[in-house]
Protein backbone atom coordinates (compact mmCIF):
# COMPACT_ATOMS: atom_id res chain seq x y z
CA MET A 1 48.42 310.42 52.67
CA PHE A 2 51.03 312.66 50.98
CA PRO A 3 54.76 312.38 51.85
CA LEU A 4 56.26 315.24 53.86
CA GLY A 5 58.55 316.33 51.03
CA PHE A 6 55.55 316.71 48.70
CA LEU A 7 53.69 318.79 51.29
CA PHE A 8 56.72 321.08 51.67
CA LEU A 9 56.85 321.69 47.89
CA LEU A 10 53.10 322.17 47.75
CA TYR A 11 53.21 324.68 50.60
CA THR A 12 55.95 326.65 48.87
CA ALA A 13 54.05 326.65 45.58
CA VAL A 14 50.84 327.89 47.22
CA GLU A 15 52.63 330.96 48.59
CA GLY A 16 53.77 331.51 45.00
CA ALA A 17 55.17 334.87 44.06
CA THR A 18 55.85 335.90 47.65
CA SER A 19 58.84 333.49 47.65
CA PRO A 20 58.79 332.56 51.32
CA ILE A 21 62.17 332.66 53.05
CA SER A 22 63.94 329.32 52.85
CA CYS A 23 67.27 327.54 52.54
CA TYR A 24 68.26 327.19 48.86
CA ASN A 25 70.49 324.82 46.95
CA ASP A 26 72.78 325.57 44.01
CA GLN A 27 69.95 325.09 41.52
CA GLY A 28 67.82 327.74 43.20
CA HIS A 29 65.35 325.27 44.66
CA SER A 30 64.09 325.79 48.20
CA VAL A 31 65.13 322.91 50.46
CA ASP A 32 64.11 321.78 53.92
CA TRP A 33 67.70 321.54 55.13
CA LEU A 34 71.20 321.86 53.73
CA TYR A 35 74.75 321.04 54.85
CA LEU A 36 77.59 322.96 53.22
CA TYR A 37 81.28 322.17 53.77
CA LYS A 38 83.67 324.89 52.57
CA LEU A 39 86.97 323.11 51.88
CA PRO A 40 90.28 324.50 53.15
CA HIS A 41 92.83 326.15 50.90
CA GLN A 42 95.55 323.66 50.04
CA LYS A 43 98.47 325.41 48.38
CA HIS A 44 100.05 322.34 46.85
CA LYS A 45 96.82 321.80 44.89
CA GLN A 46 96.53 325.44 43.79
CA ASP A 47 93.10 325.45 45.38
CA GLU A 48 91.30 328.78 45.64
CA GLY A 49 90.01 327.92 49.11
CA LEU A 50 86.48 328.67 47.92
CA LYS A 51 85.33 325.23 46.77
CA TYR A 52 82.60 323.50 48.72
CA LEU A 53 80.50 320.37 49.05
CA LEU A 54 76.73 320.20 49.52
CA MET A 55 74.18 317.77 50.89
CA ASP A 56 70.41 318.10 51.34
CA GLY A 57 67.42 315.81 51.74
CA GLY A 58 67.56 314.72 48.11
CA SER A 59 71.27 313.86 48.15
CA GLU A 60 72.91 310.45 48.44
CA GLY A 61 75.99 312.04 49.98
CA TRP A 62 78.31 314.97 49.33
CA THR A 63 78.09 316.62 45.92
CA GLU A 64 80.48 319.24 44.58
CA GLY A 65 79.26 322.82 44.62
CA SER A 66 78.41 324.22 41.20
CA GLY A 67 80.74 327.17 41.65
CA LEU A 68 82.60 328.89 44.48
CA VAL A 69 81.27 329.69 47.93
CA ASN A 70 81.42 333.46 47.28
CA ASP A 71 79.13 333.17 44.25
CA SER A 72 75.81 334.93 44.86
CA ALA A 73 74.14 332.33 42.60
CA GLY A 74 75.35 329.43 44.76
CA ALA A 75 73.55 327.83 47.68
CA LEU A 76 75.06 330.09 50.35
CA GLY A 77 74.63 333.22 48.23
CA ARG A 78 71.01 332.42 47.35
CA THR A 79 70.17 331.64 50.98
CA VAL A 80 71.87 334.53 52.78
CA GLY A 81 71.22 336.87 49.85
CA GLN A 82 67.53 336.90 50.76
CA LEU A 83 68.45 339.17 53.67
CA TYR A 84 69.59 341.96 51.35
CA GLU A 85 66.78 341.49 48.83
CA GLN A 86 64.02 342.00 51.40
CA LYS A 87 63.12 345.70 51.37
CA GLY A 88 59.92 345.74 53.42
CA GLY A 89 59.44 345.69 57.17
CA GLU A 90 57.80 342.27 57.35
CA ILE A 91 60.96 340.29 58.06
CA ALA A 92 62.87 339.69 61.26
CA TYR A 93 66.59 338.97 61.28
CA ILE A 94 69.42 338.46 63.75
CA LEU A 95 73.07 338.36 62.66
CA TYR A 96 75.51 337.22 65.33
CA ASN A 97 79.20 336.42 65.32
CA ASP A 98 81.89 336.58 67.99
CA GLN A 99 84.09 337.94 65.16
CA LYS A 100 81.83 340.53 63.54
CA PRO A 101 82.31 341.87 59.99
CA GLN A 102 85.07 344.43 59.58
CA GLY A 103 84.63 347.79 57.93
CA ARG A 104 81.06 347.23 56.80
CA GLY A 105 78.17 349.38 58.05
CA LYS A 106 77.55 349.29 61.79
CA LYS A 107 80.47 348.66 64.07
CA GLY A 108 78.37 346.36 66.21
CA THR A 109 78.64 346.22 69.98
CA ASN A 110 81.61 347.14 72.13
CA GLU A 111 81.68 343.75 73.81
CA ASP A 112 84.95 341.90 74.21
CA SER A 113 84.79 339.07 71.66
CA SER A 114 86.68 336.80 74.07
CA ARG A 115 83.63 336.88 76.34
CA GLY A 116 79.97 336.14 75.73
CA GLY A 117 78.93 333.40 73.36
CA HIS A 118 81.36 331.77 70.96
CA THR A 119 78.52 331.70 68.45
CA LYS A 120 78.00 332.39 64.75
CA GLY A 121 74.74 332.37 62.83
CA VAL A 122 71.98 333.99 60.80
CA VAL A 123 68.27 333.97 61.59
CA LEU A 124 65.93 335.31 58.89
CA VAL A 125 62.15 335.03 59.26
CA GLY A 126 59.16 336.15 57.23
CA LYS A 127 55.42 336.03 57.91
CA THR A 128 55.13 332.26 57.74
CA GLN A 129 58.62 330.71 57.75
CA GLY A 130 62.34 331.35 57.70
CA PHE A 131 65.75 329.76 58.17
CA TRP A 132 68.35 329.38 60.89
CA LEU A 133 71.89 329.10 59.54
CA VAL A 134 74.50 327.87 62.04
CA HIS A 135 78.08 328.29 60.82
CA SER A 136 81.75 328.73 61.77
CA THR A 137 82.94 331.57 59.50
CA PRO A 138 84.43 334.72 61.11
CA HIS A 139 83.21 338.16 59.94
CA PHE A 140 80.21 336.72 58.10
CA PRO A 141 77.78 337.89 56.79
CA PRO A 142 77.75 341.68 56.12
CA VAL A 143 75.18 343.89 57.83
CA LYS A 144 71.88 344.34 56.01
CA GLU A 145 71.74 348.12 55.59
CA GLY A 146 73.73 349.03 52.49
CA GLY A 147 75.12 345.52 52.31
CA GLU A 148 75.04 342.67 49.87
CA PHE A 149 76.06 339.04 49.99
CA SER A 150 79.82 338.53 50.10
CA TYR A 151 82.15 335.95 51.60
CA PRO A 152 85.00 337.26 53.79
CA HIS A 153 88.64 336.71 52.97
CA SER A 154 89.14 335.57 56.58
CA GLY A 155 86.98 332.52 55.86
CA ILE A 156 88.99 331.26 52.88
CA THR A 157 92.12 329.59 54.28
CA ASN A 158 90.44 327.11 56.62
CA GLY A 159 87.56 324.69 56.26
CA GLN A 160 84.15 325.99 57.38
CA ASN A 161 80.81 324.27 58.00
CA PHE A 162 77.23 325.48 57.55
CA LEU A 163 73.88 323.95 58.49
CA CYS A 164 70.77 325.69 57.17
CA VAL A 165 67.29 324.52 58.21
CA THR A 166 63.96 325.94 57.02
CA TYR A 167 61.49 326.23 59.92
CA PRO A 168 57.86 327.33 60.25
CA LEU A 169 57.23 330.61 62.04
CA GLU A 170 56.39 329.11 65.44
CA MET A 171 59.79 327.41 65.75
CA PHE A 172 61.57 330.77 65.91
CA LYS A 173 60.17 331.53 69.34
CA ILE A 174 62.10 328.49 70.61
CA ILE A 175 65.17 329.40 68.53
CA GLY A 176 65.15 332.88 70.08
CA GLU A 177 65.10 331.31 73.54
CA GLN A 178 68.09 329.15 72.61
CA LEU A 179 69.97 332.24 71.48
CA GLN A 180 69.26 333.90 74.81
CA ILE A 181 71.02 331.03 76.55
CA ASN A 182 73.91 331.17 74.04
CA GLU A 183 74.62 334.86 74.86
CA PRO A 184 75.52 335.74 71.25
CA HIS A 185 77.36 338.80 69.95
CA VAL A 186 74.59 340.35 67.86
CA TYR A 187 75.94 342.98 65.46
CA ASP A 188 72.83 343.61 63.34
CA CYS A 189 69.17 342.80 63.90
CA ASN A 190 65.60 343.92 63.46
CA VAL A 191 62.35 342.40 64.69
CA PRO A 192 59.39 344.52 63.48
CA ASP A 193 56.35 345.02 65.71
CA SER A 194 54.30 342.75 63.46
CA LEU A 195 56.57 339.82 64.40
CA ALA A 196 57.73 340.89 67.86
CA SER A 197 54.43 339.85 69.44
CA VAL A 198 54.76 336.40 67.87
CA LEU A 199 58.50 336.07 68.51
CA PRO A 200 59.11 337.80 71.86
CA SER A 201 62.37 335.94 72.52
CA MET A 202 63.89 337.13 69.24
CA ALA A 203 62.70 340.68 69.97
CA GLU A 204 64.39 340.48 73.39
CA VAL A 205 67.70 339.33 71.89
CA CYS A 206 67.59 342.25 69.45
CA ARG A 207 66.60 344.82 72.10
CA SER A 208 69.46 343.69 74.32
CA ALA A 209 71.98 344.08 71.48
CA ARG A 210 70.71 347.57 70.64
CA GLY A 211 70.82 348.54 74.28
CA ARG A 212 74.49 347.61 74.47
CA GLU A 213 75.20 349.56 71.28
CA ARG A 214 73.77 352.66 72.98
CA ASN A 215 75.94 351.91 76.03
CA VAL A 216 72.87 351.35 78.14
CA SER A 217 73.85 350.17 81.60
CA LEU A 218 72.79 346.57 81.08
CA SER A 219 75.41 343.86 81.40
CA HIS A 220 75.31 340.88 79.12
CA SER A 221 75.46 338.32 81.91
CA ALA A 222 72.84 340.08 84.04
CA HIS A 223 70.44 340.30 81.12
CA PHE A 224 70.47 336.55 80.62
CA SER A 225 70.69 335.57 84.30
CA SER A 226 67.06 334.48 84.44
CA HIS A 227 67.57 331.82 81.77
CA GLU A 228 68.84 328.28 82.13
CA SER A 229 72.54 327.54 81.98
CA ASN A 230 71.80 324.96 79.30
CA ARG A 231 68.80 323.56 77.48
CA SER A 232 68.12 321.07 74.69
CA VAL A 233 64.97 321.33 72.61
CA SER A 234 63.42 319.54 69.66
CA LEU A 235 63.00 321.61 66.52
CA THR A 236 60.82 320.45 63.63
CA SER A 237 61.59 321.77 60.17
CA LEU A 238 58.95 322.98 57.74
CA ALA A 239 58.76 319.54 56.11
CA GLY A 240 58.74 317.68 59.41
CA THR A 241 62.42 316.77 59.86
CA ASN A 242 63.47 316.49 63.50
CA PHE A 243 66.51 318.28 64.92
CA ILE A 244 67.81 318.78 68.47
CA SER A 245 69.29 322.12 69.50
CA PHE A 246 71.77 322.12 72.39
CA ALA A 247 72.47 325.57 73.85
CA LYS A 248 74.70 326.40 76.81
CA GLY A 249 75.60 329.65 78.52
CA ALA A 250 78.72 330.72 80.39
CA SER A 251 77.33 329.43 83.68
CA PHE A 252 77.30 325.85 82.34
CA GLY A 253 81.06 325.86 82.93
CA ASN A 254 81.85 322.63 81.16
CA ASP A 255 82.61 321.03 77.79
CA LEU A 256 79.53 320.91 75.59
CA TYR A 257 80.25 317.52 74.04
CA HIS A 258 81.64 315.34 76.82
CA SER A 259 79.54 316.72 79.64
CA TRP A 260 76.26 316.90 77.78
CA VAL A 261 75.80 316.03 74.10
CA ALA A 262 77.41 312.56 74.16
CA PRO A 263 75.42 311.30 77.18
CA ALA A 264 72.24 312.97 75.91
CA LEU A 265 72.55 311.20 72.54
CA GLN A 266 73.92 308.06 74.23
CA SER A 267 76.67 307.88 71.66
CA ASP A 268 80.44 308.09 71.45
CA LEU A 269 81.36 311.18 69.45
CA LEU A 270 84.15 312.16 67.07
CA VAL A 271 84.51 315.94 67.28
CA GLN A 272 86.01 318.39 64.78
CA PHE A 273 86.95 321.85 66.06
CA TRP A 274 89.60 324.57 65.70
CA ARG A 275 92.76 323.10 67.20
CA LEU A 276 94.97 326.20 67.03
CA SER A 277 93.47 327.79 70.13
CA GLU A 278 94.87 327.58 73.65
CA GLY A 279 93.84 325.07 76.29
CA ILE A 280 92.68 322.33 73.90
CA LEU A 281 90.73 319.57 75.66
CA PRO A 282 92.15 316.13 74.80
CA SER A 283 90.05 313.13 73.84
CA ASP A 284 88.12 312.00 76.91
CA CYS A 285 87.16 308.42 77.76
CA SER A 286 86.54 309.06 81.46
CA ALA A 287 82.76 308.58 81.34
CA ASN A 288 80.37 306.08 79.77
CA TRP A 289 80.48 307.87 76.41
CA LYS A 290 83.76 308.75 74.73
CA VAL A 291 84.52 312.05 73.02
CA LEU A 292 87.42 311.75 70.57
CA ASP A 293 89.15 314.69 68.88
CA ILE A 294 89.42 314.28 65.12
CA LYS A 295 92.92 314.46 63.60
CA THR A 296 92.56 313.96 59.83
CA ILE A 297 89.62 314.44 57.47
CA SER A 298 89.13 313.10 53.95
CA LEU A 299 86.32 314.36 51.75
CA GLY A 300 86.36 312.58 48.43
CA GLU A 301 89.27 310.83 46.79
CA THR A 302 91.53 313.87 46.46
CA THR A 303 90.79 316.09 49.46
CA THR A 304 92.51 315.08 52.70
CA PHE A 305 93.55 317.57 55.36
CA HIS A 306 94.62 317.87 58.96
CA THR A 307 92.14 319.46 61.37
CA THR A 308 94.56 322.38 61.91
CA LEU A 309 93.32 323.51 58.49
CA ASP A 310 89.67 323.23 59.50
CA HIS A 311 87.86 325.92 61.46
CA SER A 312 84.51 324.10 61.38
CA LYS A 313 82.85 322.68 64.49
CA TRP A 314 80.92 319.43 64.12
CA ALA A 315 80.52 316.06 65.76
CA VAL A 316 79.51 312.65 64.44
CA SER A 317 78.63 309.53 66.40
CA THR A 318 81.12 306.67 66.04
CA GLY A 319 78.48 304.01 65.50
CA ARG A 320 78.50 302.71 69.09
CA GLY A 321 75.44 303.66 71.07
CA ALA A 322 71.95 304.86 70.19
CA GLN A 323 71.89 303.98 66.52
CA ASP A 324 69.45 301.95 64.46
CA GLU A 325 68.06 301.99 60.93
CA ALA A 326 67.52 305.74 61.34
CA GLY A 327 71.29 306.18 61.27
CA GLY A 328 73.76 307.87 63.58
CA TRP A 329 73.99 311.46 64.77
CA ILE A 330 75.58 314.45 63.12
CA CYS A 331 75.83 317.78 64.96
CA VAL A 332 76.93 321.14 63.51
CA GLY A 333 77.67 323.99 65.88
CA ASP A 334 79.85 326.95 66.71
CA ILE A 335 81.93 326.14 69.80
CA ASN A 336 85.33 324.49 70.32
CA ARG A 337 86.67 322.03 72.86
CA ASN A 338 89.01 324.18 74.95
CA LYS A 339 89.23 325.43 78.53
CA ALA A 340 88.13 329.00 77.79
CA GLU A 341 85.02 327.94 75.91
CA GLU A 342 83.83 325.78 78.78
CA LYS A 343 82.93 329.14 80.31
CA ARG A 344 81.34 330.66 77.19
CA GLY A 345 77.99 330.25 75.52
CA GLY A 346 77.62 328.15 72.39
CA GLY A 347 75.83 325.16 71.01
CA THR A 348 75.17 322.66 68.28
CA VAL A 349 72.24 321.38 66.22
CA CYS A 350 71.95 317.62 65.76
CA GLN A 351 70.15 315.42 63.26
CA ARG A 352 69.77 311.67 63.02
CA ASP A 353 69.94 310.69 59.37
CA ALA A 354 71.61 307.64 57.80
CA THR A 355 72.88 309.42 54.67
CA VAL A 356 74.20 312.50 56.44
CA TRP A 357 75.78 310.40 59.20
CA LYS A 358 77.57 308.20 56.67
CA ALA A 359 78.92 311.22 54.77
CA TYR A 360 80.43 312.77 57.90
CA ARG A 361 81.51 309.50 59.52
CA ASN A 362 83.37 308.38 56.38
CA ALA A 363 85.15 311.74 56.30
CA VAL A 364 86.93 310.96 59.59
CA GLN A 365 90.25 309.25 58.84
CA GLU A 366 92.15 309.60 62.12
CA TRP A 367 91.47 310.76 65.65
CA TYR A 368 93.49 311.28 68.80
CA PRO A 369 93.16 308.37 71.25
CA CYS A 370 92.51 308.95 74.92
CA ASP A 371 95.57 309.26 77.13
């Protein structure tokens, strides 16, 4: 009986020169999953605002990135860069962001970015596998046609979070269905006929986006009206790691974390989100499971910052609740805790892992108590 990690490496090696699409680390090795934390710019430390920390299945915690986050040879550059290297028609991709790239290629849709899903991500799939990257960075990444990997200036000042997971082909049908519920702002996509029959939900997301670009009379909300207001599903990575995807649409009409994720995971949650928006929801202890807004984060011995410098959106269980030797929960997503986003689509992807949980839980220094 071979361990799952060995089978993942063996599978990758068998496909050989075709270099199947995958998440990559700084060393250029394909990995099953990867967390990347882009640190905020701190002027008093003369920080470039481009440094980052990494963690994958082989890590014992956060490790410093080998370069800067805008380096095409780094983990983010190697991973997202696959989009621009693929020249054939045998890949499917969906780029979505409620703050689309500026001045690069297509203008994207004409949708009001204050409506629809508050979502950001990259889906890239080949014949057998691909990755789903959930992130928090505005105007990222560039469109495929005529583009190349680059990191936007708008993503430098504040902290940003990324979760990349490598999935087998069949998982992307479910991921496409989750995106339909999220109501994303898709600004570039393509699902070739060879993959559309296998991934009909992804093809539908792409067709809808193209229809809106052509000003077809098809409203965003009407298009997704046949889908659930919210749904959680299990996703299994290529090497067999379990994740849970939580996706909500505008009709859910409530806070993602307090109304759903905390009771679903049966855990109190500490939540990091962008606090400089209007209508911030305070820490909430009104139900069985508490949701506490994070105030101060410390990553390493020298990097401590207030959450007003952090644009990332993640949640970590406090340690009370459904936790055993498997560790607590960590969730990385794309939606904030505020009044407006109760009525917008968005979601989070959660993993139960002792090492990852400890890294995020230890990063939380202070939080806002309930009133």
